[in-house]
Amino acid sequence: MREDRGLSTVISYVLTLGVTGILITGLLVAGGDIVGGQRQATIDSQMQVVGQQIVSDFETADQLSRDGTPSTIVLSRSYPDRMTGATYMVHLEDVSGTTKQRLVLTTENPDVSVSVTFDTYRDISISGGGAIRGGELSITFDGTELVVDDA
């Protein structure tokens, strides 16, 4: 390297800071994506477990309703009201071409949706016909159908 070149200390310092800044920004962006992906995976896993528990309660209420005694059944259960800080909604869909139904749990931020398909003897509906917020849920049998409501 020749000593007679003119290279300013200030330019060298600015270039070093610029390259360092770009590298740190890249690491932060990549790290944020990894954390976001892990959060979505955690919420998905938690919602799968809660969905299976809710369907299990549907099946229990359905079995009790078929036994005929008693004529009125109320099952109440407390589920988490949040999944890794995100609230979730519960709704039901019919599976076309079958007698099965699908329980769907969804969050908005981040956008995650989980479904669990099940088959019961009795029809199951959500009170009010729409979706309900996760948390305290009750399943009621009134003699004709099972109705899910937030407790």
C-alpha atoms as a PDB file:
ATOM      1  CA  MET A   1       0.000   0.000   0.000  1.00  0.00           C
ATOM      2  CA  ARG A   2       1.342   3.368  -0.929  1.00  0.00           C
ATOM      3  CA  GLU A   3       1.658   6.071   1.698  1.00  0.00           C
ATOM      4  CA  ASP A   4       1.229   8.965  -0.697  1.00  0.00           C
ATOM      5  CA  ARG A   5      -2.524   8.372  -1.273  1.00  0.00           C
ATOM      6  CA  GLY A   6      -4.851  10.853   0.350  1.00  0.00           C
ATOM      7  CA  LEU A   7      -7.523   9.034   2.337  1.00  0.00           C
ATOM      8  CA  SER A   8      -9.420  11.030   4.828  1.00  0.00           C
ATOM      9  CA  THR A   9      -9.985   9.617   8.296  1.00  0.00           C
ATOM     10  CA  VAL A  10     -13.485  11.055   8.237  1.00  0.00           C
ATOM     11  CA  ILE A  11     -14.413   9.213   5.010  1.00  0.00           C
ATOM     12  CA  SER A  12     -13.062   5.968   6.417  1.00  0.00           C
ATOM     13  CA  TYR A  13     -15.066   6.487   9.612  1.00  0.00           C
ATOM     14  CA  VAL A  14     -18.302   7.280   7.701  1.00  0.00           C
ATOM     15  CA  LEU A  15     -17.894   4.232   5.460  1.00  0.00           C
ATOM     16  CA  THR A  16     -17.292   1.998   8.483  1.00  0.00           C
ATOM     17  CA  LEU A  17     -20.389   3.363  10.218  1.00  0.00           C
ATOM     18  CA  GLY A  18     -22.466   2.961   7.035  1.00  0.00           C
ATOM     19  CA  VAL A  19     -21.482  -0.669   6.490  1.00  0.00           C
ATOM     20  CA  THR A  20     -21.990  -1.460  10.181  1.00  0.00           C
ATOM     21  CA  GLY A  21     -25.419   0.187  10.118  1.00  0.00           C
ATOM     22  CA  ILE A  22     -26.487  -1.819   7.071  1.00  0.00           C
ATOM     23  CA  LEU A  23     -25.321  -5.080   8.662  1.00  0.00           C
ATOM     24  CA  ILE A  24     -27.106  -4.372  11.956  1.00  0.00           C
ATOM     25  CA  THR A  25     -30.321  -3.415  10.140  1.00  0.00           C
ATOM     26  CA  GLY A  26     -30.189  -6.635   8.138  1.00  0.00           C
ATOM     27  CA  LEU A  27     -29.732  -8.685  11.290  1.00  0.00           C
ATOM     28  CA  LEU A  28     -32.631  -6.946  13.032  1.00  0.00           C
ATOM     29  CA  VAL A  29     -34.971  -7.473  10.074  1.00  0.00           C
ATOM     30  CA  ALA A  30     -34.012 -11.143   9.792  1.00  0.00           C
ATOM     31  CA  GLY A  31     -34.372 -11.617  13.558  1.00  0.00           C
ATOM     32  CA  GLY A  32     -37.810  -9.984  13.528  1.00  0.00           C
ATOM     33  CA  ASP A  33     -38.991 -12.373  10.818  1.00  0.00           C
ATOM     34  CA  ILE A  34     -37.749 -15.355  12.818  1.00  0.00           C
ATOM     35  CA  VAL A  35     -39.540 -14.185  15.968  1.00  0.00           C
ATOM     36  CA  GLY A  36     -42.749 -13.532  14.010  1.00  0.00           C
ATOM     37  CA  GLY A  37     -42.599 -16.987  12.461  1.00  0.00           C
ATOM     38  CA  GLN A  38     -42.031 -18.617  15.842  1.00  0.00           C
ATOM     39  CA  ARG A  39     -45.015 -16.717  17.292  1.00  0.00           C
ATOM     40  CA  GLN A  40     -47.262 -17.926  14.473  1.00  0.00           C
ATOM     41  CA  ALA A  41     -46.089 -21.509  14.957  1.00  0.00           C
ATOM     42  CA  THR A  42     -46.723 -21.285  18.708  1.00  0.00           C
ATOM     43  CA  ILE A  43     -50.231 -19.872  18.201  1.00  0.00           C
ATOM     44  CA  ASP A  44     -50.981 -22.569  15.617  1.00  0.00           C
ATOM     45  CA  SER A  45     -49.881 -25.287  18.036  1.00  0.00           C
ATOM     46  CA  GLN A  46     -51.880 -23.830  20.934  1.00  0.00           C
ATOM     47  CA  MET A  47     -55.003 -23.469  18.794  1.00  0.00           C
ATOM     48  CA  GLN A  48     -54.715 -27.096  17.626  1.00  0.00           C
ATOM     49  CA  VAL A  49     -54.738 -28.247  21.259  1.00  0.00           C
ATOM     50  CA  VAL A  50     -57.667 -25.998  22.240  1.00  0.00           C
ATOM     51  CA  GLY A  51     -59.588 -27.022  19.098  1.00  0.00           C
ATOM     52  CA  GLN A  52     -59.168 -30.693  19.981  1.00  0.00           C
ATOM     53  CA  GLN A  53     -60.357 -30.004  23.548  1.00  0.00           C
ATOM     54  CA  ILE A  54     -63.465 -28.161  22.320  1.00  0.00           C
ATOM     55  CA  VAL A  55     -64.292 -30.968  19.869  1.00  0.00           C
ATOM     56  CA  SER A  56     -63.829 -33.482  22.691  1.00  0.00           C
ATOM     57  CA  ASP A  57     -66.409 -31.551  24.721  1.00  0.00           C
ATOM     58  CA  PHE A  58     -68.757 -31.540  21.695  1.00  0.00           C
ATOM     59  CA  GLU A  59     -68.430 -35.303  21.468  1.00  0.00           C
ATOM     60  CA  THR A  60     -69.043 -35.721  25.218  1.00  0.00           C
ATOM     61  CA  ALA A  61     -72.196 -33.576  25.086  1.00  0.00           C
ATOM     62  CA  ASP A  62     -73.331 -35.452  21.981  1.00  0.00           C
ATOM     63  CA  GLN A  63     -72.876 -38.814  23.709  1.00  0.00           C
ATOM     64  CA  LEU A  64     -74.737 -37.622  26.817  1.00  0.00           C
ATOM     65  CA  SER A  65     -77.593 -36.303  24.678  1.00  0.00           C
ATOM     66  CA  ARG A  66     -77.973 -39.678  22.965  1.00  0.00           C
ATOM     67  CA  ASP A  67     -78.174 -41.515  26.264  1.00  0.00           C
ATOM     68  CA  GLY A  68     -81.449 -39.693  26.937  1.00  0.00           C
ATOM     69  CA  THR A  69     -80.823 -38.857  30.574  1.00  0.00           C
ATOM     70  CA  PRO A  70     -80.971 -36.054  31.533  1.00  0.00           C
ATOM     71  CA  SER A  71     -83.028 -34.209  28.921  1.00  0.00           C
ATOM     72  CA  THR A  72     -81.087 -30.955  29.487  1.00  0.00           C
ATOM     73  CA  ILE A  73     -77.290 -30.840  29.491  1.00  0.00           C
ATOM     74  CA  VAL A  74     -74.959 -27.929  30.190  1.00  0.00           C
ATOM     75  CA  LEU A  75     -71.180 -28.368  29.893  1.00  0.00           C
ATOM     76  CA  SER A  76     -69.058 -25.350  30.766  1.00  0.00           C
ATOM     77  CA  ARG A  77     -65.322 -25.178  30.358  1.00  0.00           C
ATOM     78  CA  SER A  78     -62.669 -22.528  30.566  1.00  0.00           C
ATOM     79  CA  TYR A  79     -60.221 -22.345  27.681  1.00  0.00           C
ATOM     80  CA  PRO A  80     -57.426 -19.788  27.312  1.00  0.00           C
ATOM     81  CA  ASP A  81     -58.835 -16.448  26.182  1.00  0.00           C
ATOM     82  CA  ARG A  82     -55.592 -15.571  24.360  1.00  0.00           C
ATOM     83  CA  MET A  83     -52.997 -17.443  22.341  1.00  0.00           C
ATOM     84  CA  THR A  84     -49.541 -15.887  22.847  1.00  0.00           C
ATOM     85  CA  GLY A  85     -51.225 -12.532  23.437  1.00  0.00           C
ATOM     86  CA  ALA A  86     -53.662 -12.773  20.497  1.00  0.00           C
ATOM     87  CA  THR A  87     -57.413 -13.151  21.021  1.00  0.00           C
ATOM     88  CA  TYR A  88     -59.159 -15.776  18.921  1.00  0.00           C
ATOM     89  CA  MET A  89     -62.622 -16.469  17.552  1.00  0.00           C
ATOM     90  CA  VAL A  90     -64.449 -19.803  17.343  1.00  0.00           C
ATOM     91  CA  HIS A  91     -66.948 -20.677  14.618  1.00  0.00           C
ATOM     92  CA  LEU A  92     -68.418 -23.725  12.911  1.00  0.00           C
ATOM     93  CA  GLU A  93     -68.640 -24.676   9.235  1.00  0.00           C
ATOM     94  CA  ASP A  94     -70.408 -27.535   7.504  1.00  0.00           C
ATOM     95  CA  VAL A  95     -68.153 -29.790   5.452  1.00  0.00           C
ATOM     96  CA  SER A  96     -69.821 -29.968   2.032  1.00  0.00           C
ATOM     97  CA  GLY A  97     -70.972 -33.367   0.870  1.00  0.00           C
ATOM     98  CA  THR A  98     -70.697 -34.944   4.348  1.00  0.00           C
ATOM     99  CA  THR A  99     -72.473 -34.954   7.690  1.00  0.00           C
ATOM    100  CA  LYS A 100     -69.323 -33.626   9.347  1.00  0.00           C
ATOM    101  CA  GLN A 101     -68.707 -30.191  10.746  1.00  0.00           C
ATOM    102  CA  ARG A 102     -65.516 -28.205  11.089  1.00  0.00           C
ATOM    103  CA  LEU A 103     -64.535 -26.179  14.145  1.00  0.00           C
ATOM    104  CA  VAL A 104     -62.441 -23.188  13.075  1.00  0.00           C
ATOM    105  CA  LEU A 105     -60.325 -21.052  15.404  1.00  0.00           C
ATOM    106  CA  THR A 106     -58.864 -17.827  13.997  1.00  0.00           C
ATOM    107  CA  THR A 107     -56.689 -14.947  15.154  1.00  0.00           C
ATOM    108  CA  GLU A 108     -56.238 -11.651  13.325  1.00  0.00           C
ATOM    109  CA  ASN A 109     -52.810 -10.452  14.403  1.00  0.00           C
ATOM    110  CA  PRO A 110     -50.992 -12.571  13.361  1.00  0.00           C
ATOM    111  CA  ASP A 111     -53.384 -14.122  10.840  1.00  0.00           C
ATOM    112  CA  VAL A 112     -53.601 -17.780  11.901  1.00  0.00           C
ATOM    113  CA  SER A 113     -56.449 -20.226  11.270  1.00  0.00           C
ATOM    114  CA  VAL A 114     -56.810 -23.785  12.561  1.00  0.00           C
ATOM    115  CA  SER A 115     -59.625 -26.231  11.826  1.00  0.00           C
ATOM    116  CA  VAL A 116     -60.667 -29.516  13.393  1.00  0.00           C
ATOM    117  CA  THR A 117     -63.199 -31.730  11.594  1.00  0.00           C
ATOM    118  CA  PHE A 118     -65.609 -33.816  13.660  1.00  0.00           C
ATOM    119  CA  ASP A 119     -68.816 -35.818  13.320  1.00  0.00           C
ATOM    120  CA  THR A 120     -71.626 -35.871  15.875  1.00  0.00           C
ATOM    121  CA  TYR A 121     -75.104 -37.351  15.972  1.00  0.00           C
ATOM    122  CA  ARG A 122     -76.723 -34.066  17.023  1.00  0.00           C
ATOM    123  CA  ASP A 123     -76.466 -30.796  15.164  1.00  0.00           C
ATOM    124  CA  ILE A 124     -74.203 -28.244  16.825  1.00  0.00           C
ATOM    125  CA  SER A 125     -74.584 -24.512  16.360  1.00  0.00           C
ATOM    126  CA  ILE A 126     -73.049 -21.337  17.720  1.00  0.00           C
ATOM    127  CA  SER A 127     -75.399 -19.104  19.668  1.00  0.00           C
ATOM    128  CA  GLY A 128     -76.386 -16.218  17.417  1.00  0.00           C
ATOM    129  CA  GLY A 129     -75.231 -18.112  14.320  1.00  0.00           C
ATOM    130  CA  GLY A 130     -71.843 -16.412  14.023  1.00  0.00           C
ATOM    131  CA  ALA A 131     -68.559 -16.633  15.831  1.00  0.00           C
ATOM    132  CA  ILE A 132     -67.797 -16.307  19.525  1.00  0.00           C
ATOM    133  CA  ARG A 133     -64.663 -15.228  21.321  1.00  0.00           C
ATOM    134  CA  GLY A 134     -62.554 -17.974  22.838  1.00  0.00           C
ATOM    135  CA  GLY A 135     -62.336 -18.329  26.610  1.00  0.00           C
ATOM    136  CA  GLU A 136     -65.270 -19.485  28.725  1.00  0.00           C
ATOM    137  CA  LEU A 137     -67.556 -21.664  26.578  1.00  0.00           C
ATOM    138  CA  SER A 138     -70.684 -23.603  27.441  1.00  0.00           C
ATOM    139  CA  ILE A 139     -72.373 -26.337  25.453  1.00  0.00           C
ATOM    140  CA  THR A 140     -76.099 -26.708  26.089  1.00  0.00           C
ATOM    141  CA  PHE A 141     -78.475 -29.441  24.943  1.00  0.00           C
ATOM    142  CA  ASP A 142     -82.102 -28.346  25.008  1.00  0.00           C
ATOM    143  CA  GLY A 143     -83.659 -31.568  23.760  1.00  0.00           C
ATOM    144  CA  THR A 144     -83.067 -31.004  20.035  1.00  0.00           C
ATOM    145  CA  GLU A 145     -79.612 -29.575  19.329  1.00  0.00           C
ATOM    146  CA  LEU A 146     -76.333 -28.663  20.973  1.00  0.00           C
ATOM    147  CA  VAL A 147     -75.702 -24.918  21.238  1.00  0.00           C
ATOM    148  CA  VAL A 148     -72.298 -23.356  21.970  1.00  0.00           C
ATOM    149  CA  ASP A 149     -72.233 -20.027  23.763  1.00  0.00           C
ATOM    150  CA  ASP A 150     -69.667 -17.905  25.566  1.00  0.00           C
ATOM    151  CA  ALA A 151     -70.234 -18.355  29.275  1.00  0.00           C
END
